[in-house]
Amino acid sequence: MELTAAGCERHQIPEHLVMCSELYIAAFEGNTVKVIGLLARSGASAEAPAENGRRSATAPTACNQLITMEPAGCSTDEVTGDRSTLLHIAAWKGHCDLIAQLCRWGNGSLITSVNSSGYTPLHCAAGAGHAGAVQAIIRPLLAAANMEEGRLQEILRGRNEAGDTPLHLAARHGHGEAAEALVQVDPGLAAELNGAGVSSLYLAVMGGSVRAVRAILWCRNASAVGPKSQNALHAAVLQSSGKFTYVAF
């Protein structure tokens, strides 16, 4: 299983894959019923398998009812200018109900989509500090973990263009609860270094989040590596705020 670029391979996004403004606004606002309705009008479905690249014209509403509408709406293939999908938008804004619905589309294919910066929806949720959104994305992966070996770990440890995992982003921005949600599922994340050779623990200290630091230190194999031969202890000294006096490295 590979993390797949949203939209298509070409530099320019074809007109039919440019996200319509109505769909974008509905996703940005977390209007689940509106998003599902727009997708249903195009014949998209979270339940029925694809036939010849098209899905049946039924889709579940937020109340798990099926609706049928004439094809003429939007598609989950549509992306923004930076190739973000609907799930990227919902994850960035922390709309958990919408995330739960979108994760069901295309056998969960939106979960593995990446935008032009290499961000998966999980990167977006973690970087924005939405722990509930992180859990909403991980939940269906946990349910399918026994059937798709390695898929969960590959997404949890997926890297953006800078080599950051979702945990690196949560740590850098001081989002302790999101960091906890990630390491509880995969403690091995704490040992990963980003593209600059920096650990999430170092970033958590620099980000000033005691909660994130504690969550990462809970992992037995946590790395403390920082840039230029520094480590998390150096970062704690640089912070010099007293926050980490009683946190054992």
C-alpha atoms as a PDB file:
ATOM      1  CA  MET A   1       0.000   0.000   0.000  1.00  0.00           C
ATOM      2  CA  GLU A   2       1.371   3.402  -0.970  1.00  0.00           C
ATOM      3  CA  LEU A   3       0.433   6.884   0.095  1.00  0.00           C
ATOM      4  CA  THR A   4      -1.096   8.253  -3.075  1.00  0.00           C
ATOM      5  CA  ALA A   5      -0.966  11.758  -4.470  1.00  0.00           C
ATOM      6  CA  ALA A   6      -4.404  13.323  -4.584  1.00  0.00           C
ATOM      7  CA  GLY A   7      -5.824  14.276  -7.955  1.00  0.00           C
ATOM      8  CA  CYS A   8      -3.423  13.198 -10.684  1.00  0.00           C
ATOM      9  CA  GLU A   9       0.235  13.092 -11.611  1.00  0.00           C
ATOM     10  CA  ARG A  10       0.319  16.175 -13.797  1.00  0.00           C
ATOM     11  CA  HIS A  11       1.480  19.533 -12.482  1.00  0.00           C
ATOM     12  CA  GLN A  12      -1.724  21.229 -13.561  1.00  0.00           C
ATOM     13  CA  ILE A  13      -4.959  19.991 -12.023  1.00  0.00           C
ATOM     14  CA  PRO A  14      -7.537  19.135 -14.703  1.00  0.00           C
ATOM     15  CA  GLU A  15     -10.629  21.289 -14.549  1.00  0.00           C
ATOM     16  CA  HIS A  16     -12.903  18.379 -13.674  1.00  0.00           C
ATOM     17  CA  LEU A  17     -10.768  17.650 -10.573  1.00  0.00           C
ATOM     18  CA  VAL A  18     -10.740  21.206  -9.216  1.00  0.00           C
ATOM     19  CA  MET A  19     -12.883  21.261  -6.080  1.00  0.00           C
ATOM     20  CA  CYS A  20     -16.095  23.197  -6.538  1.00  0.00           C
ATOM     21  CA  SER A  21     -16.540  26.109  -4.149  1.00  0.00           C
ATOM     22  CA  GLU A  22     -19.800  24.768  -2.725  1.00  0.00           C
ATOM     23  CA  LEU A  23     -18.149  21.500  -1.727  1.00  0.00           C
ATOM     24  CA  TYR A  24     -15.100  23.270  -0.294  1.00  0.00           C
ATOM     25  CA  ILE A  25     -17.188  25.616   1.857  1.00  0.00           C
ATOM     26  CA  ALA A  26     -19.337  22.757   3.152  1.00  0.00           C
ATOM     27  CA  ALA A  27     -16.236  20.762   4.129  1.00  0.00           C
ATOM     28  CA  PHE A  28     -14.522  23.797   5.664  1.00  0.00           C
ATOM     29  CA  GLU A  29     -17.590  24.480   7.805  1.00  0.00           C
ATOM     30  CA  GLY A  30     -18.031  20.817   8.737  1.00  0.00           C
ATOM     31  CA  ASN A  31     -21.470  20.604   7.156  1.00  0.00           C
ATOM     32  CA  THR A  32     -21.610  16.820   6.869  1.00  0.00           C
ATOM     33  CA  VAL A  33     -25.146  16.641   5.465  1.00  0.00           C
ATOM     34  CA  LYS A  34     -24.297  19.155   2.719  1.00  0.00           C
ATOM     35  CA  VAL A  35     -21.070  17.377   1.763  1.00  0.00           C
ATOM     36  CA  ILE A  36     -22.762  13.972   1.600  1.00  0.00           C
ATOM     37  CA  GLY A  37     -25.615  15.440  -0.418  1.00  0.00           C
ATOM     38  CA  LEU A  38     -23.262  16.988  -2.969  1.00  0.00           C
ATOM     39  CA  LEU A  39     -21.364  13.732  -3.328  1.00  0.00           C
ATOM     40  CA  ALA A  40     -24.582  11.741  -3.654  1.00  0.00           C
ATOM     41  CA  ARG A  41     -25.652  13.916  -6.576  1.00  0.00           C
ATOM     42  CA  SER A  42     -22.568  12.763  -8.483  1.00  0.00           C
ATOM     43  CA  GLY A  43     -23.347   9.113  -7.874  1.00  0.00           C
ATOM     44  CA  ALA A  44     -20.670   8.676  -5.200  1.00  0.00           C
ATOM     45  CA  SER A  45     -21.268   6.173  -2.426  1.00  0.00           C
ATOM     46  CA  ALA A  46     -19.568   5.173   0.777  1.00  0.00           C
ATOM     47  CA  GLU A  47     -21.160   1.746   0.671  1.00  0.00           C
ATOM     48  CA  ALA A  48     -21.445   0.372  -2.836  1.00  0.00           C
ATOM     49  CA  PRO A  49     -18.371  -0.873  -4.739  1.00  0.00           C
ATOM     50  CA  ALA A  50     -17.270   0.919  -7.878  1.00  0.00           C
ATOM     51  CA  GLU A  51     -18.367  -0.342 -11.270  1.00  0.00           C
ATOM     52  CA  ASN A  52     -16.346   0.826 -14.267  1.00  0.00           C
ATOM     53  CA  GLY A  53     -14.921   3.636 -12.198  1.00  0.00           C
ATOM     54  CA  ARG A  54     -18.353   4.918 -11.099  1.00  0.00           C
ATOM     55  CA  ARG A  55     -20.294   4.359  -7.909  1.00  0.00           C
ATOM     56  CA  SER A  56     -23.968   3.845  -7.338  1.00  0.00           C
ATOM     57  CA  ALA A  57     -26.152   6.903  -6.895  1.00  0.00           C
ATOM     58  CA  THR A  58     -26.820   6.166  -3.244  1.00  0.00           C
ATOM     59  CA  ALA A  59     -24.950   7.522  -0.268  1.00  0.00           C
ATOM     60  CA  PRO A  60     -25.462   7.506   3.516  1.00  0.00           C
ATOM     61  CA  THR A  61     -26.502  10.736   5.130  1.00  0.00           C
ATOM     62  CA  ALA A  62     -25.227  11.799   8.549  1.00  0.00           C
ATOM     63  CA  CYS A  63     -28.211   9.875   9.944  1.00  0.00           C
ATOM     64  CA  ASN A  64     -27.156   6.675   8.109  1.00  0.00           C
ATOM     65  CA  GLN A  65     -30.145   6.884   5.777  1.00  0.00           C
ATOM     66  CA  LEU A  66     -29.717   6.257   2.066  1.00  0.00           C
ATOM     67  CA  ILE A  67     -30.670   8.936  -0.408  1.00  0.00           C
ATOM     68  CA  THR A  68     -30.870   8.747  -4.188  1.00  0.00           C
ATOM     69  CA  MET A  69     -30.384  11.798  -6.381  1.00  0.00           C
ATOM     70  CA  GLU A  70     -29.689  12.557 -10.001  1.00  0.00           C
ATOM     71  CA  PRO A  71     -25.976  12.586 -10.912  1.00  0.00           C
ATOM     72  CA  ALA A  72     -24.843  16.203 -11.254  1.00  0.00           C
ATOM     73  CA  GLY A  73     -22.795  16.899  -8.172  1.00  0.00           C
ATOM     74  CA  CYS A  74     -19.252  16.817  -6.840  1.00  0.00           C
ATOM     75  CA  SER A  75     -16.691  14.045  -6.440  1.00  0.00           C
ATOM     76  CA  THR A  76     -14.288  12.852  -3.744  1.00  0.00           C
ATOM     77  CA  ASP A  77     -11.593  13.015  -6.444  1.00  0.00           C
ATOM     78  CA  GLU A  78     -11.764  16.810  -6.441  1.00  0.00           C
ATOM     79  CA  VAL A  79      -8.842  18.679  -4.869  1.00  0.00           C
ATOM     80  CA  THR A  80      -7.866  22.219  -3.925  1.00  0.00           C
ATOM     81  CA  GLY A  81      -4.998  24.189  -5.440  1.00  0.00           C
ATOM     82  CA  ASP A  82      -2.491  22.383  -3.207  1.00  0.00           C
ATOM     83  CA  ARG A  83      -4.128  19.017  -4.015  1.00  0.00           C
ATOM     84  CA  SER A  84      -5.819  18.699  -0.632  1.00  0.00           C
ATOM     85  CA  THR A  85      -8.853  16.426  -0.607  1.00  0.00           C
ATOM     86  CA  LEU A  86     -12.080  16.764   1.336  1.00  0.00           C
ATOM     87  CA  LEU A  87     -10.549  14.657   4.092  1.00  0.00           C
ATOM     88  CA  HIS A  88      -7.520  16.958   4.335  1.00  0.00           C
ATOM     89  CA  ILE A  89      -9.875  19.909   4.844  1.00  0.00           C
ATOM     90  CA  ALA A  90     -12.029  18.118   7.417  1.00  0.00           C
ATOM     91  CA  ALA A  91      -8.930  16.926   9.286  1.00  0.00           C
ATOM     92  CA  TRP A  92      -7.335  20.381   9.336  1.00  0.00           C
ATOM     93  CA  LYS A  93     -10.526  21.883  10.761  1.00  0.00           C
ATOM     94  CA  GLY A  94     -11.162  19.009  13.185  1.00  0.00           C
ATOM     95  CA  HIS A  95     -14.611  18.029  11.895  1.00  0.00           C
ATOM     96  CA  CYS A  96     -14.827  14.529  13.375  1.00  0.00           C
ATOM     97  CA  ASP A  97     -18.309  13.604  12.109  1.00  0.00           C
ATOM     98  CA  LEU A  98     -17.379  14.528   8.552  1.00  0.00           C
ATOM     99  CA  ILE A  99     -14.084  12.657   8.870  1.00  0.00           C
ATOM    100  CA  ALA A 100     -15.914   9.503   9.946  1.00  0.00           C
ATOM    101  CA  GLN A 101     -18.134   9.687   6.864  1.00  0.00           C
ATOM    102  CA  LEU A 102     -15.330  10.457   4.402  1.00  0.00           C
ATOM    103  CA  CYS A 103     -13.139   7.637   5.701  1.00  0.00           C
ATOM    104  CA  ARG A 104     -15.764   5.239   4.362  1.00  0.00           C
ATOM    105  CA  TRP A 105     -15.480   6.452   0.768  1.00  0.00           C
ATOM    106  CA  GLY A 106     -13.553   4.388  -1.766  1.00  0.00           C
ATOM    107  CA  ASN A 107     -12.527   1.740   0.758  1.00  0.00           C
ATOM    108  CA  GLY A 108     -10.736   4.407   2.762  1.00  0.00           C
ATOM    109  CA  SER A 109      -8.661   5.682  -0.165  1.00  0.00           C
ATOM    110  CA  LEU A 110      -8.913   9.293   1.040  1.00  0.00           C
ATOM    111  CA  ILE A 111      -6.986   8.342   4.192  1.00  0.00           C
ATOM    112  CA  THR A 112      -3.877   7.592   2.136  1.00  0.00           C
ATOM    113  CA  SER A 113      -4.088  10.641  -0.139  1.00  0.00           C
ATOM    114  CA  VAL A 114      -1.296  13.227   0.010  1.00  0.00           C
ATOM    115  CA  ASN A 115      -1.340  16.875  -1.017  1.00  0.00           C
ATOM    116  CA  SER A 116       1.406  18.788  -2.823  1.00  0.00           C
ATOM    117  CA  SER A 117       3.397  19.132   0.426  1.00  0.00           C
ATOM    118  CA  GLY A 118       3.197  15.415   1.143  1.00  0.00           C
ATOM    119  CA  TYR A 119       0.652  15.837   3.948  1.00  0.00           C
ATOM    120  CA  THR A 120      -1.825  13.057   4.581  1.00  0.00           C
ATOM    121  CA  PRO A 121      -5.078  13.915   6.378  1.00  0.00           C
ATOM    122  CA  LEU A 122      -3.440  12.519   9.534  1.00  0.00           C
ATOM    123  CA  HIS A 123      -0.606  15.048   9.175  1.00  0.00           C
ATOM    124  CA  CYS A 124      -3.235  17.796   8.942  1.00  0.00           C
ATOM    125  CA  ALA A 125      -5.135  16.643  12.025  1.00  0.00           C
ATOM    126  CA  ALA A 126      -1.982  16.222  14.117  1.00  0.00           C
ATOM    127  CA  GLY A 127      -0.416  19.495  12.991  1.00  0.00           C
ATOM    128  CA  ALA A 128      -3.588  21.394  13.837  1.00  0.00           C
ATOM    129  CA  GLY A 129      -3.819  19.724  17.244  1.00  0.00           C
ATOM    130  CA  HIS A 130      -7.174  18.017  16.752  1.00  0.00           C
ATOM    131  CA  ALA A 131      -6.821  14.862  18.853  1.00  0.00           C
ATOM    132  CA  GLY A 132     -10.396  13.836  18.100  1.00  0.00           C
ATOM    133  CA  ALA A 133      -9.703  14.095  14.375  1.00  0.00           C
ATOM    134  CA  VAL A 134      -6.522  12.035  14.793  1.00  0.00           C
ATOM    135  CA  GLN A 135      -8.556   9.329  16.514  1.00  0.00           C
ATOM    136  CA  ALA A 136     -11.329   9.521  13.902  1.00  0.00           C
ATOM    137  CA  ILE A 137      -8.803   8.838  11.130  1.00  0.00           C
ATOM    138  CA  ILE A 138      -7.036   6.062  13.034  1.00  0.00           C
ATOM    139  CA  ARG A 139     -10.222   4.303  14.169  1.00  0.00           C
ATOM    140  CA  PRO A 140     -11.170   2.676  10.829  1.00  0.00           C
ATOM    141  CA  LEU A 141      -7.534   1.683  10.315  1.00  0.00           C
ATOM    142  CA  LEU A 142      -7.518  -0.113  13.660  1.00  0.00           C
ATOM    143  CA  ALA A 143     -10.695  -1.931  12.677  1.00  0.00           C
ATOM    144  CA  ALA A 144      -9.073  -3.088   9.438  1.00  0.00           C
ATOM    145  CA  ALA A 145      -5.594  -3.716  10.863  1.00  0.00           C
ATOM    146  CA  ASN A 146      -5.987  -7.492  10.978  1.00  0.00           C
ATOM    147  CA  MET A 147      -7.057  -7.588   7.326  1.00  0.00           C
ATOM    148  CA  GLU A 148      -4.477  -5.123   5.996  1.00  0.00           C
ATOM    149  CA  GLU A 149      -1.198  -5.791   7.746  1.00  0.00           C
ATOM    150  CA  GLY A 150       1.121  -2.807   7.833  1.00  0.00           C
ATOM    151  CA  ARG A 151      -1.405  -0.264   6.573  1.00  0.00           C
ATOM    152  CA  LEU A 152      -1.923   1.395   9.943  1.00  0.00           C
ATOM    153  CA  GLN A 153       1.783   1.746  10.662  1.00  0.00           C
ATOM    154  CA  GLU A 154       2.518   3.037   7.167  1.00  0.00           C
ATOM    155  CA  ILE A 155       0.020   5.859   7.580  1.00  0.00           C
ATOM    156  CA  LEU A 156       1.072   6.643  11.155  1.00  0.00           C
ATOM    157  CA  ARG A 157       4.695   6.860  10.030  1.00  0.00           C
ATOM    158  CA  GLY A 158       3.996   8.534   6.698  1.00  0.00           C
ATOM    159  CA  ARG A 159       6.250  11.505   5.943  1.00  0.00           C
ATOM    160  CA  ASN A 160       5.600  14.840   4.317  1.00  0.00           C
ATOM    161  CA  GLU A 161       8.118  16.528   2.016  1.00  0.00           C
ATOM    162  CA  ALA A 162      10.148  17.686   5.037  1.00  0.00           C
ATOM    163  CA  GLY A 163      10.284  14.130   6.347  1.00  0.00           C
ATOM    164  CA  ASP A 164       7.958  14.862   9.266  1.00  0.00           C
ATOM    165  CA  THR A 165       5.638  12.193  10.622  1.00  0.00           C
ATOM    166  CA  PRO A 166       2.306  13.284  12.133  1.00  0.00           C
ATOM    167  CA  LEU A 167       3.962  13.020  15.569  1.00  0.00           C
ATOM    168  CA  HIS A 168       6.698  15.472  14.560  1.00  0.00           C
ATOM    169  CA  LEU A 169       4.026  18.009  13.598  1.00  0.00           C
ATOM    170  CA  ALA A 170       2.033  17.541  16.805  1.00  0.00           C
ATOM    171  CA  ALA A 171       5.224  17.887  18.857  1.00  0.00           C
ATOM    172  CA  ARG A 172       6.525  20.932  16.985  1.00  0.00           C
ATOM    173  CA  HIS A 173       3.290  22.831  17.520  1.00  0.00           C
ATOM    174  CA  GLY A 174       2.929  21.806  21.162  1.00  0.00           C
ATOM    175  CA  HIS A 175      -0.172  19.648  20.736  1.00  0.00           C
ATOM    176  CA  GLY A 176       0.133  17.234  23.640  1.00  0.00           C
ATOM    177  CA  GLU A 177      -3.238  15.541  23.313  1.00  0.00           C
ATOM    178  CA  ALA A 178      -2.676  14.785  19.627  1.00  0.00           C
ATOM    179  CA  ALA A 179       0.789  13.427  20.444  1.00  0.00           C
ATOM    180  CA  GLU A 180      -0.754  11.147  23.072  1.00  0.00           C
ATOM    181  CA  ALA A 181      -3.304   9.825  20.591  1.00  0.00           C
ATOM    182  CA  LEU A 182      -0.524   8.905  18.151  1.00  0.00           C
ATOM    183  CA  VAL A 183       1.956   7.221  20.506  1.00  0.00           C
ATOM    184  CA  GLN A 184      -0.763   5.247  22.259  1.00  0.00           C
ATOM    185  CA  VAL A 185      -1.358   3.458  18.965  1.00  0.00           C
ATOM    186  CA  ASP A 186       2.274   3.287  17.805  1.00  0.00           C
ATOM    187  CA  PRO A 187       4.936   3.913  20.493  1.00  0.00           C
ATOM    188  CA  GLY A 188       7.594   3.262  17.853  1.00  0.00           C
ATOM    189  CA  LEU A 189       6.815   6.668  16.362  1.00  0.00           C
ATOM    190  CA  ALA A 190       8.879   8.230  19.150  1.00  0.00           C
ATOM    191  CA  ALA A 191      12.049   6.715  17.685  1.00  0.00           C
ATOM    192  CA  GLU A 192      11.542   8.235  14.228  1.00  0.00           C
ATOM    193  CA  LEU A 193      13.673  11.163  13.033  1.00  0.00           C
ATOM    194  CA  ASN A 194      12.445  13.643  10.442  1.00  0.00           C
ATOM    195  CA  GLY A 195      14.205  14.715   7.261  1.00  0.00           C
ATOM    196  CA  ALA A 196      16.477  17.027   9.241  1.00  0.00           C
ATOM    197  CA  GLY A 197      17.457  14.207  11.600  1.00  0.00           C
ATOM    198  CA  VAL A 198      15.434  15.632  14.500  1.00  0.00           C
ATOM    199  CA  SER A 199      13.328  13.658  16.971  1.00  0.00           C
ATOM    200  CA  SER A 200       9.780  14.423  18.006  1.00  0.00           C
ATOM    201  CA  LEU A 201      10.946  14.675  21.639  1.00  0.00           C
ATOM    202  CA  TYR A 202      13.331  17.503  20.772  1.00  0.00           C
ATOM    203  CA  LEU A 203      10.538  19.272  18.879  1.00  0.00           C
ATOM    204  CA  ALA A 204       8.111  18.767  21.782  1.00  0.00           C
ATOM    205  CA  VAL A 205      10.541  20.428  24.193  1.00  0.00           C
ATOM    206  CA  MET A 206      11.093  23.307  21.781  1.00  0.00           C
ATOM    207  CA  GLY A 207       7.329  23.529  21.308  1.00  0.00           C
ATOM    208  CA  GLY A 208       6.906  24.011  25.050  1.00  0.00           C
ATOM    209  CA  SER A 209       4.370  21.244  25.619  1.00  0.00           C
ATOM    210  CA  VAL A 210       4.955  19.288  28.831  1.00  0.00           C
ATOM    211  CA  ARG A 211       2.074  16.995  27.886  1.00  0.00           C
ATOM    212  CA  ALA A 212       3.671  16.148  24.535  1.00  0.00           C
ATOM    213  CA  VAL A 213       7.049  15.577  26.202  1.00  0.00           C
ATOM    214  CA  ARG A 214       5.525  13.227  28.779  1.00  0.00           C
ATOM    215  CA  ALA A 215       3.613  11.333  26.085  1.00  0.00           C
ATOM    216  CA  ILE A 216       6.776  10.761  24.048  1.00  0.00           C
ATOM    217  CA  LEU A 217       8.912   9.872  27.077  1.00  0.00           C
ATOM    218  CA  TRP A 218       6.327   7.196  27.883  1.00  0.00           C
ATOM    219  CA  CYS A 219       7.683   5.347  24.828  1.00  0.00           C
ATOM    220  CA  ARG A 220      10.608   3.128  25.782  1.00  0.00           C
ATOM    221  CA  ASN A 221      12.590   3.719  22.592  1.00  0.00           C
ATOM    222  CA  ALA A 222      12.039   7.477  22.321  1.00  0.00           C
ATOM    223  CA  SER A 223      14.856   9.320  20.579  1.00  0.00           C
ATOM    224  CA  ALA A 224      16.089  12.646  21.979  1.00  0.00           C
ATOM    225  CA  VAL A 225      18.168  13.625  18.935  1.00  0.00           C
ATOM    226  CA  GLY A 226      18.177  17.258  17.863  1.00  0.00           C
ATOM    227  CA  PRO A 227      19.986  19.249  15.159  1.00  0.00           C
ATOM    228  CA  LYS A 228      23.740  19.915  15.130  1.00  0.00           C
ATOM    229  CA  SER A 229      24.594  17.288  17.763  1.00  0.00           C
ATOM    230  CA  GLN A 230      22.073  18.730  20.223  1.00  0.00           C
ATOM    231  CA  ASN A 231      19.485  16.703  22.090  1.00  0.00           C
ATOM    232  CA  ALA A 232      16.297  17.268  24.066  1.00  0.00           C
ATOM    233  CA  LEU A 233      18.284  18.288  27.159  1.00  0.00           C
ATOM    234  CA  HIS A 234      19.880  21.101  25.191  1.00  0.00           C
ATOM    235  CA  ALA A 235      16.417  22.132  24.053  1.00  0.00           C
ATOM    236  CA  ALA A 236      15.179  22.184  27.652  1.00  0.00           C
ATOM    237  CA  VAL A 237      18.051  24.482  28.600  1.00  0.00           C
ATOM    238  CA  LEU A 238      17.342  26.710  25.619  1.00  0.00           C
ATOM    239  CA  GLN A 239      13.733  26.972  26.729  1.00  0.00           C
ATOM    240  CA  SER A 240      14.923  28.001  30.224  1.00  0.00           C
ATOM    241  CA  SER A 241      11.353  28.462  31.410  1.00  0.00           C
ATOM    242  CA  GLY A 242      11.371  25.880  34.187  1.00  0.00           C
ATOM    243  CA  LYS A 243       8.600  23.901  32.515  1.00  0.00           C
ATOM    244  CA  PHE A 244      10.687  20.762  32.209  1.00  0.00           C
ATOM    245  CA  THR A 245      12.455  20.812  35.578  1.00  0.00           C
ATOM    246  CA  TYR A 246      10.528  17.799  36.827  1.00  0.00           C
ATOM    247  CA  VAL A 247      10.308  15.887  33.567  1.00  0.00           C
ATOM    248  CA  ALA A 248      12.827  13.036  33.641  1.00  0.00           C
ATOM    249  CA  PHE A 249      14.754  12.626  30.407  1.00  0.00           C
END
